[in-house]
Amino acid sequence: MTGEGRRESSLAELTLADEELRGADALLQAGYPRIALTRAYFAVFHGCRGILYSAGLEPRTHAGVQHLFNLHFVRSGRFDAAAARLLARLQKYRQEADYSRSFVVDAEGAREELDAARAFVGTVRARAAAERGESGAETRG
């Protein structure tokens, strides 16, 4: 992947992360915390892909995103273990929300996870810009 390709892919993923956050907010406000929680996962997922692309890494699966993020960003100390736990927890919730009839989340729980996802995406945005050698001043969609 070229430098420009890395930049474009990273920014595209961060744009998707922002879109997922806005969608999660709308779903939560409309009274759908279970679905909002799944969108919070995808916000974090796209945020991780954004920083991975900025570093020239190209994950192909959800498991690959988690593995590469842990290997290159958590183990190296660039992100703390809480970031890895957030990704894993939200992925588990997303799978349960999609496939388990017994999965229940209330609005407060979904809001807490959404706030954590939003904070993570903000951190990723700044660090991805640094990976790309930029000031981090790109605009959000």
N, C-alpha and C. Protein backbone atom coordinates (compact mmCIF):
# COMPACT_ATOMS: atom_id res chain seq x y z
N MET A 1 0.85 -1.17 0.00
CA MET A 1 0.00 0.00 0.00
C MET A 1 0.90 1.23 0.00
N THR A 2 0.61 2.16 -0.88
CA THR A 2 1.40 3.39 -0.96
C THR A 2 1.06 4.30 0.21
N GLY A 3 1.87 5.31 0.42
CA GLY A 3 1.61 6.28 1.48
C GLY A 3 0.26 6.95 1.31
N GLU A 4 -0.06 7.33 0.08
CA GLU A 4 -1.36 7.96 -0.18
C GLU A 4 -2.49 6.97 0.02
N GLY A 5 -2.29 5.72 -0.39
CA GLY A 5 -3.30 4.69 -0.17
C GLY A 5 -3.54 4.44 1.30
N ARG A 6 -2.46 4.42 2.09
CA ARG A 6 -2.59 4.27 3.54
C ARG A 6 -3.42 5.41 4.12
N ARG A 7 -3.09 6.62 3.69
CA ARG A 7 -3.80 7.81 4.20
C ARG A 7 -5.29 7.74 3.85
N GLU A 8 -5.59 7.46 2.59
CA GLU A 8 -6.98 7.41 2.15
C GLU A 8 -7.75 6.30 2.86
N SER A 9 -7.15 5.13 2.98
CA SER A 9 -7.83 4.02 3.65
C SER A 9 -8.06 4.33 5.12
N SER A 10 -7.07 4.92 5.76
CA SER A 10 -7.20 5.28 7.17
C SER A 10 -8.32 6.29 7.38
N LEU A 11 -8.31 7.34 6.57
CA LEU A 11 -9.35 8.37 6.70
C LEU A 11 -10.74 7.82 6.39
N ALA A 12 -10.83 6.92 5.41
CA ALA A 12 -12.13 6.32 5.08
C ALA A 12 -12.66 5.51 6.26
N GLU A 13 -11.79 4.75 6.91
CA GLU A 13 -12.21 3.97 8.07
C GLU A 13 -12.64 4.87 9.23
N LEU A 14 -11.93 5.96 9.44
CA LEU A 14 -12.30 6.87 10.52
C LEU A 14 -13.61 7.59 10.22
N THR A 15 -13.88 7.83 8.96
CA THR A 15 -15.17 8.40 8.56
C THR A 15 -16.28 7.41 8.87
N LEU A 16 -16.05 6.13 8.57
CA LEU A 16 -17.03 5.09 8.89
C LEU A 16 -17.24 5.00 10.41
N ALA A 17 -16.16 5.11 11.18
CA ALA A 17 -16.28 5.07 12.64
C ALA A 17 -17.19 6.19 13.13
N ASP A 18 -16.99 7.39 12.59
CA ASP A 18 -17.84 8.53 12.97
C ASP A 18 -19.30 8.29 12.59
N GLU A 19 -19.51 7.71 11.42
CA GLU A 19 -20.87 7.40 10.96
C GLU A 19 -21.54 6.40 11.90
N GLU A 20 -20.80 5.39 12.31
CA GLU A 20 -21.33 4.39 13.24
C GLU A 20 -21.68 5.03 14.58
N LEU A 21 -20.86 5.95 15.05
CA LEU A 21 -21.15 6.64 16.31
C LEU A 21 -22.43 7.46 16.20
N ARG A 22 -22.59 8.17 15.10
CA ARG A 22 -23.82 8.96 14.90
C ARG A 22 -25.03 8.04 14.82
N GLY A 23 -24.89 6.91 14.12
CA GLY A 23 -25.98 5.95 14.04
C GLY A 23 -26.33 5.38 15.40
N ALA A 24 -25.32 5.07 16.18
CA ALA A 24 -25.56 4.52 17.53
C ALA A 24 -26.30 5.53 18.39
N ASP A 25 -25.90 6.80 18.29
CA ASP A 25 -26.60 7.85 19.05
C ASP A 25 -28.07 7.92 18.66
N ALA A 26 -28.33 7.90 17.36
CA ALA A 26 -29.72 7.98 16.87
C ALA A 26 -30.53 6.77 17.33
N LEU A 27 -29.93 5.59 17.26
CA LEU A 27 -30.63 4.37 17.70
C LEU A 27 -30.91 4.39 19.19
N LEU A 28 -29.96 4.85 19.95
CA LEU A 28 -30.16 4.92 21.40
C LEU A 28 -31.25 5.92 21.73
N GLN A 29 -31.22 7.06 21.07
CA GLN A 29 -32.25 8.07 21.29
C GLN A 29 -33.64 7.56 20.89
N ALA A 30 -33.69 6.71 19.87
CA ALA A 30 -34.97 6.16 19.41
C ALA A 30 -35.45 4.98 20.26
N GLY A 31 -34.64 4.58 21.24
CA GLY A 31 -35.06 3.51 22.13
C GLY A 31 -34.61 2.12 21.72
N TYR A 32 -33.51 2.03 20.99
CA TYR A 32 -32.98 0.74 20.54
C TYR A 32 -31.56 0.51 21.07
N PRO A 33 -31.42 0.31 22.37
CA PRO A 33 -30.06 0.18 22.94
C PRO A 33 -29.30 -1.05 22.44
N ARG A 34 -30.00 -2.15 22.17
CA ARG A 34 -29.32 -3.35 21.69
C ARG A 34 -28.66 -3.08 20.35
N ILE A 35 -29.38 -2.46 19.45
CA ILE A 35 -28.82 -2.18 18.12
C ILE A 35 -27.76 -1.09 18.21
N ALA A 36 -27.96 -0.12 19.09
CA ALA A 36 -26.96 0.93 19.29
C ALA A 36 -25.64 0.33 19.73
N LEU A 37 -25.70 -0.67 20.58
CA LEU A 37 -24.49 -1.32 21.06
C LEU A 37 -23.74 -2.01 19.92
N THR A 38 -24.46 -2.58 18.97
CA THR A 38 -23.78 -3.21 17.83
C THR A 38 -23.07 -2.16 16.99
N ARG A 39 -23.66 -0.98 16.87
CA ARG A 39 -23.03 0.09 16.10
C ARG A 39 -21.80 0.62 16.85
N ALA A 40 -21.83 0.61 18.16
CA ALA A 40 -20.65 1.02 18.94
C ALA A 40 -19.48 0.09 18.64
N TYR A 41 -19.77 -1.21 18.53
CA TYR A 41 -18.71 -2.15 18.16
C TYR A 41 -18.12 -1.78 16.80
N PHE A 42 -18.98 -1.52 15.82
CA PHE A 42 -18.46 -1.22 14.50
C PHE A 42 -17.70 0.10 14.46
N ALA A 43 -18.04 1.04 15.32
CA ALA A 43 -17.26 2.28 15.42
C ALA A 43 -15.84 1.96 15.87
N VAL A 44 -15.70 1.13 16.90
CA VAL A 44 -14.38 0.74 17.39
C VAL A 44 -13.65 -0.10 16.34
N PHE A 45 -14.35 -1.01 15.71
CA PHE A 45 -13.78 -1.84 14.65
C PHE A 45 -13.18 -0.96 13.55
N HIS A 46 -13.96 0.00 13.05
CA HIS A 46 -13.47 0.87 11.99
C HIS A 46 -12.35 1.77 12.48
N GLY A 47 -12.42 2.20 13.74
CA GLY A 47 -11.33 2.97 14.31
C GLY A 47 -10.03 2.17 14.32
N CYS A 48 -10.12 0.91 14.72
CA CYS A 48 -8.94 0.04 14.71
C CYS A 48 -8.41 -0.14 13.30
N ARG A 49 -9.29 -0.35 12.35
CA ARG A 49 -8.84 -0.49 10.96
C ARG A 49 -8.17 0.80 10.50
N GLY A 50 -8.69 1.94 10.94
CA GLY A 50 -8.09 3.21 10.56
C GLY A 50 -6.65 3.34 11.02
N ILE A 51 -6.39 2.97 12.25
CA ILE A 51 -5.01 3.09 12.72
C ILE A 51 -4.12 2.00 12.14
N LEU A 52 -4.69 0.82 11.90
CA LEU A 52 -3.91 -0.24 11.27
C LEU A 52 -3.51 0.17 9.86
N TYR A 53 -4.44 0.70 9.09
CA TYR A 53 -4.11 1.16 7.75
C TYR A 53 -3.07 2.27 7.79
N SER A 54 -3.17 3.16 8.76
CA SER A 54 -2.21 4.26 8.85
C SER A 54 -0.79 3.74 9.08
N ALA A 55 -0.69 2.55 9.68
CA ALA A 55 0.61 1.93 9.93
C ALA A 55 1.01 0.97 8.82
N GLY A 56 0.22 0.91 7.76
CA GLY A 56 0.54 0.05 6.63
C GLY A 56 0.11 -1.39 6.81
N LEU A 57 -0.75 -1.66 7.77
CA LEU A 57 -1.25 -3.01 8.03
C LEU A 57 -2.64 -3.15 7.43
N GLU A 58 -2.91 -4.31 6.82
CA GLU A 58 -4.17 -4.50 6.11
C GLU A 58 -4.92 -5.72 6.63
N PRO A 59 -5.72 -5.56 7.68
CA PRO A 59 -6.49 -6.69 8.20
C PRO A 59 -7.59 -7.09 7.23
N ARG A 60 -7.88 -8.39 7.20
CA ARG A 60 -8.90 -8.88 6.28
C ARG A 60 -10.16 -9.39 6.97
N THR A 61 -10.08 -9.61 8.26
CA THR A 61 -11.23 -10.16 9.01
C THR A 61 -11.37 -9.41 10.33
N HIS A 62 -12.47 -9.64 11.00
CA HIS A 62 -12.67 -9.06 12.34
C HIS A 62 -11.60 -9.59 13.29
N ALA A 63 -11.36 -10.90 13.23
CA ALA A 63 -10.32 -11.48 14.09
C ALA A 63 -8.95 -10.91 13.74
N GLY A 64 -8.72 -10.66 12.46
CA GLY A 64 -7.46 -10.08 12.03
C GLY A 64 -7.27 -8.67 12.57
N VAL A 65 -8.33 -7.89 12.62
CA VAL A 65 -8.27 -6.54 13.19
C VAL A 65 -7.84 -6.64 14.65
N GLN A 66 -8.50 -7.51 15.38
CA GLN A 66 -8.20 -7.66 16.81
C GLN A 66 -6.75 -8.13 17.00
N HIS A 67 -6.33 -9.12 16.23
CA HIS A 67 -4.98 -9.66 16.36
C HIS A 67 -3.92 -8.60 16.04
N LEU A 68 -4.06 -7.94 14.89
CA LEU A 68 -3.07 -6.94 14.49
C LEU A 68 -3.05 -5.74 15.43
N PHE A 69 -4.22 -5.32 15.91
CA PHE A 69 -4.26 -4.20 16.85
C PHE A 69 -3.54 -4.58 18.14
N ASN A 70 -3.84 -5.76 18.65
CA ASN A 70 -3.17 -6.21 19.89
C ASN A 70 -1.67 -6.35 19.68
N LEU A 71 -1.27 -6.94 18.59
CA LEU A 71 0.14 -7.20 18.33
C LEU A 71 0.94 -5.92 18.13
N HIS A 72 0.43 -5.02 17.31
CA HIS A 72 1.21 -3.84 16.92
C HIS A 72 0.96 -2.60 17.78
N PHE A 73 -0.16 -2.55 18.48
CA PHE A 73 -0.47 -1.34 19.22
C PHE A 73 -0.60 -1.55 20.73
N VAL A 74 -1.09 -2.70 21.15
CA VAL A 74 -1.24 -2.94 22.60
C VAL A 74 0.06 -3.50 23.16
N ARG A 75 0.56 -4.56 22.57
CA ARG A 75 1.81 -5.16 23.07
C ARG A 75 2.98 -4.19 23.03
N SER A 76 2.96 -3.29 22.06
CA SER A 76 4.04 -2.31 21.95
C SER A 76 3.91 -1.18 22.96
N GLY A 77 2.75 -1.11 23.64
CA GLY A 77 2.52 -0.06 24.62
C GLY A 77 1.96 1.22 24.04
N ARG A 78 1.66 1.24 22.77
CA ARG A 78 1.10 2.45 22.15
C ARG A 78 -0.36 2.67 22.56
N PHE A 79 -1.05 1.59 22.92
CA PHE A 79 -2.38 1.64 23.52
C PHE A 79 -2.33 0.74 24.74
N ASP A 80 -3.12 1.08 25.75
CA ASP A 80 -3.13 0.21 26.93
C ASP A 80 -4.08 -0.96 26.72
N ALA A 81 -4.00 -1.91 27.62
CA ALA A 81 -4.79 -3.13 27.51
C ALA A 81 -6.29 -2.86 27.55
N ALA A 82 -6.70 -1.74 28.13
CA ALA A 82 -8.12 -1.40 28.18
C ALA A 82 -8.70 -1.25 26.78
N ALA A 83 -7.90 -0.77 25.83
CA ALA A 83 -8.37 -0.63 24.46
C ALA A 83 -8.66 -1.99 23.85
N ALA A 84 -7.79 -2.94 24.10
CA ALA A 84 -8.00 -4.31 23.59
C ALA A 84 -9.22 -4.94 24.24
N ARG A 85 -9.40 -4.69 25.52
CA ARG A 85 -10.56 -5.23 26.22
C ARG A 85 -11.85 -4.62 25.69
N LEU A 86 -11.83 -3.32 25.37
CA LEU A 86 -13.01 -2.67 24.81
C LEU A 86 -13.40 -3.31 23.48
N LEU A 87 -12.44 -3.49 22.60
CA LEU A 87 -12.71 -4.12 21.32
C LEU A 87 -13.28 -5.52 21.50
N ALA A 88 -12.65 -6.32 22.35
CA ALA A 88 -13.11 -7.70 22.57
C ALA A 88 -14.50 -7.72 23.20
N ARG A 89 -14.73 -6.86 24.17
CA ARG A 89 -16.03 -6.82 24.86
C ARG A 89 -17.15 -6.42 23.90
N LEU A 90 -16.90 -5.36 23.12
CA LEU A 90 -17.93 -4.91 22.18
C LEU A 90 -18.18 -5.93 21.08
N GLN A 91 -17.12 -6.63 20.66
CA GLN A 91 -17.32 -7.69 19.67
C GLN A 91 -18.20 -8.80 20.23
N LYS A 92 -17.96 -9.17 21.48
CA LYS A 92 -18.78 -10.20 22.13
C LYS A 92 -20.23 -9.72 22.25
N TYR A 93 -20.43 -8.48 22.68
CA TYR A 93 -21.78 -7.94 22.80
C TYR A 93 -22.47 -7.91 21.44
N ARG A 94 -21.73 -7.53 20.40
CA ARG A 94 -22.33 -7.47 19.08
C ARG A 94 -22.80 -8.85 18.63
N GLN A 95 -21.99 -9.86 18.85
CA GLN A 95 -22.38 -11.21 18.48
C GLN A 95 -23.59 -11.67 19.29
N GLU A 96 -23.58 -11.39 20.57
CA GLU A 96 -24.73 -11.78 21.40
C GLU A 96 -25.98 -11.02 21.01
N ALA A 97 -25.84 -9.74 20.75
CA ALA A 97 -26.99 -8.92 20.36
C ALA A 97 -27.58 -9.39 19.04
N ASP A 98 -26.73 -9.84 18.14
CA ASP A 98 -27.21 -10.29 16.83
C ASP A 98 -27.78 -11.70 16.86
N TYR A 99 -27.25 -12.57 17.73
CA TYR A 99 -27.57 -13.99 17.62
C TYR A 99 -28.23 -14.62 18.84
N SER A 100 -28.26 -13.92 19.95
CA SER A 100 -28.84 -14.50 21.16
C SER A 100 -30.16 -13.80 21.51
N ARG A 101 -31.20 -14.57 21.59
CA ARG A 101 -32.51 -14.01 21.95
C ARG A 101 -32.53 -13.50 23.38
N SER A 102 -31.65 -14.02 24.22
CA SER A 102 -31.67 -13.65 25.63
C SER A 102 -30.80 -12.44 25.95
N PHE A 103 -30.07 -11.90 24.98
CA PHE A 103 -29.21 -10.75 25.25
C PHE A 103 -30.07 -9.51 25.47
N VAL A 104 -29.82 -8.83 26.59
CA VAL A 104 -30.56 -7.61 26.93
C VAL A 104 -29.56 -6.56 27.41
N VAL A 105 -29.74 -5.35 26.95
CA VAL A 105 -28.95 -4.23 27.44
C VAL A 105 -29.91 -3.06 27.62
N ASP A 106 -29.70 -2.32 28.70
CA ASP A 106 -30.56 -1.15 28.91
C ASP A 106 -29.88 0.09 28.32
N ALA A 107 -30.60 1.18 28.27
CA ALA A 107 -30.09 2.40 27.67
C ALA A 107 -28.85 2.91 28.39
N GLU A 108 -28.82 2.79 29.70
CA GLU A 108 -27.66 3.27 30.47
C GLU A 108 -26.41 2.47 30.13
N GLY A 109 -26.54 1.16 30.06
CA GLY A 109 -25.40 0.31 29.71
C GLY A 109 -24.92 0.57 28.30
N ALA A 110 -25.84 0.73 27.38
CA ALA A 110 -25.47 1.03 26.00
C ALA A 110 -24.79 2.39 25.91
N ARG A 111 -25.28 3.36 26.67
CA ARG A 111 -24.68 4.71 26.66
C ARG A 111 -23.24 4.66 27.17
N GLU A 112 -23.00 3.90 28.23
CA GLU A 112 -21.64 3.78 28.77
C GLU A 112 -20.69 3.20 27.73
N GLU A 113 -21.13 2.17 27.05
CA GLU A 113 -20.29 1.55 26.03
C GLU A 113 -20.10 2.48 24.83
N LEU A 114 -21.14 3.19 24.47
CA LEU A 114 -21.04 4.14 23.37
C LEU A 114 -20.08 5.27 23.71
N ASP A 115 -20.13 5.76 24.94
CA ASP A 115 -19.19 6.79 25.37
C ASP A 115 -17.75 6.29 25.33
N ALA A 116 -17.54 5.04 25.72
CA ALA A 116 -16.20 4.45 25.67
C ALA A 116 -15.75 4.32 24.21
N ALA A 117 -16.66 3.92 23.34
CA ALA A 117 -16.34 3.80 21.91
C ALA A 117 -15.97 5.16 21.33
N ARG A 118 -16.72 6.19 21.70
CA ARG A 118 -16.46 7.55 21.20
C ARG A 118 -15.08 8.03 21.66
N ALA A 119 -14.75 7.79 22.91
CA ALA A 119 -13.44 8.19 23.42
C ALA A 119 -12.33 7.44 22.69
N PHE A 120 -12.54 6.15 22.46
CA PHE A 120 -11.55 5.35 21.74
C PHE A 120 -11.34 5.88 20.33
N VAL A 121 -12.41 6.15 19.62
CA VAL A 121 -12.30 6.64 18.24
C VAL A 121 -11.56 7.99 18.23
N GLY A 122 -11.83 8.84 19.20
CA GLY A 122 -11.11 10.11 19.28
C GLY A 122 -9.61 9.92 19.48
N THR A 123 -9.26 8.99 20.35
CA THR A 123 -7.85 8.69 20.58
C THR A 123 -7.21 8.11 19.32
N VAL A 124 -7.92 7.19 18.70
CA VAL A 124 -7.41 6.56 17.47
C VAL A 124 -7.21 7.60 16.38
N ARG A 125 -8.14 8.52 16.26
CA ARG A 125 -8.05 9.56 15.23
C ARG A 125 -6.75 10.34 15.38
N ALA A 126 -6.43 10.75 16.58
CA ALA A 126 -5.21 11.52 16.82
C ALA A 126 -3.96 10.67 16.57
N ARG A 127 -3.99 9.45 17.03
CA ARG A 127 -2.80 8.60 16.87
C ARG A 127 -2.63 8.13 15.44
N ALA A 128 -3.72 7.92 14.72
CA ALA A 128 -3.61 7.54 13.31
C ALA A 128 -3.01 8.70 12.52
N ALA A 129 -3.40 9.91 12.84
CA ALA A 129 -2.81 11.08 12.18
C ALA A 129 -1.31 11.13 12.44
N ALA A 130 -0.91 10.83 13.66
CA ALA A 130 0.52 10.81 13.98
C ALA A 130 1.23 9.71 13.20
N GLU A 131 0.59 8.54 13.07
CA GLU A 131 1.16 7.44 12.28
C GLU A 131 1.36 7.87 10.83
N ARG A 132 0.43 8.68 10.34
CA ARG A 132 0.51 9.15 8.95
C ARG A 132 1.43 10.35 8.82
N GLY A 133 1.93 10.84 9.96
CA GLY A 133 2.81 12.00 9.93
C GLY A 133 2.08 13.31 9.74
N GLU A 134 0.82 13.36 10.20
CA GLU A 134 -0.01 14.56 10.06
C GLU A 134 -0.27 15.16 11.43
N SER A 135 -0.82 16.34 11.43
CA SER A 135 -1.12 17.03 12.68
C SER A 135 -2.37 16.53 13.35
N GLY A 136 -3.20 15.77 12.66
CA GLY A 136 -4.45 15.28 13.24
C GLY A 136 -5.60 16.22 13.03
N ALA A 137 -5.43 17.19 12.14
CA ALA A 137 -6.45 18.20 11.96
C ALA A 137 -7.45 17.87 10.85
N GLU A 138 -7.49 16.59 10.40
CA GLU A 138 -8.45 16.27 9.33
C GLU A 138 -9.87 16.44 9.86
N THR A 139 -10.77 16.70 8.95
CA THR A 139 -12.15 16.95 9.36
C THR A 139 -12.91 15.67 9.51
N ARG A 140 -13.95 15.72 10.29
CA ARG A 140 -14.85 14.58 10.48
C ARG A 140 -16.08 14.78 9.65
N GLY A 141 -16.66 13.64 9.23
CA GLY A 141 -17.86 13.68 8.39
C GLY A 141 -19.11 13.82 9.14
